[in-house]
Amino acid sequence: MLRTMIGRGLATCATVLGIALATTGVARAEDIVLKMAHVYTPGNIWYETAEAYKKAVEDRTQGKVKIQIADSGSTGDWPQSIEGLAIGTNDIVLQSIGTLDRYGIVAGVEAFPYLIRDLDHFRKVYDGPIGAELADAIAAQTRFRIVGAGYRGARHLTANRAVPTLEDLKGLKLRVPPLKMYSMTWAKLGASPVPMGVAELFTSMQQKVVDGQENPLEIIESMRYDEVQSHVMETAHVIGAMTFIFYDARMKRLPEDVRTVLIEEGRKAMDDASTRMAAMEAEIKKRLQGKGMTFVAVDRDAFAAKLADMPDAFPDLKPWVEKIRAVK
């Protein structure tokens, strides 16, 4: 009798536990720990986006899925972090889509100059059918799965002098991310691009190893480039997209309901970040001006015209460029 009662009690507990897990939307998730890496520091919007994603996933799964974050580049810079996805030391990396172009050219379309026009166009591209198609193409070519797209703001050129025209760019030693798209863009514009990791950039500008760099305003502010650069040229040459990057094969091995949570909350976190960033750009500009930086208008049409034949240099990207430009 006692054995029967205990057996029934255990069965009842198991049933209740099964119902509780099912109602969380992650019925099969047990003690899943995912390691995320990024290079952003406390106070930066992308640092906060990572924290918001962690909280949303853990809350929605009632702690059955946990995300451990290594921030501020504590486990390496972004190329090392992405390599960590392939070998399994990382499960998620927060970085721009274009950083995957070393694994497959299609990801480089994110950094294509004068392609995304504004925030409205950004959302129509990345949140629409083109964005879904692009994510699948990137996964097929690079083995990495992108989740969500966060408006990073426009990238601008900085230097210690005004550079209002293409003529003024000649001879400018310009640090660029170690990606083919950026190097070709600035070489065609007349500068002398110097591929370099971000970790050494501040010191390189301080010691005059390079004359300038290009980044969104939030990076210029958070990395304190105003301390070593005096002018911001409003080139707005790239409107980039941040994303959560997973190793596709490993992600597919997760329970389907876990993948659903990771994808849905990732998209929401990036969408929220897009809204925040759009509101922040004007505020950041004012703060940088208050710190002594001079903002210089440039003839963007002249810059874009100089790059008109760029699609021909990237035949694999040309169809994507045309599709994205056609989105109204």
Foldseek 3Di string as FASTA:
>chain_A
DVVVVVVVVVVVVVVVLQVVQVVLLRNPQAQAEFEEEAQDDPPFLVVVLVVQLQVQLCVSNVNSYGYHYDYNQNVHHDVVRVVCQVVVVHFKYKFFQCVQCVQPVLSVVLFAWPQQDDLVLVCCCCVHPNVVVSQVVSCVRRLKGWAAWAWFAFKWKFFQDDQAALVSQAAAEEEEAPGPNGCVLSVLSHHHYDHDGPVCVLVCLQVPVGGIYMDALSCCVSVVVLVRTAEIEPLSTGGTIITMMGRNVVLVPRPPSSNVSSRVSRNVSRVVNNVVNVVCRVVSVVVSVVSRHYYHYHDNVNSVVSCVCVCVVPVVCVVVSVVSNPRD
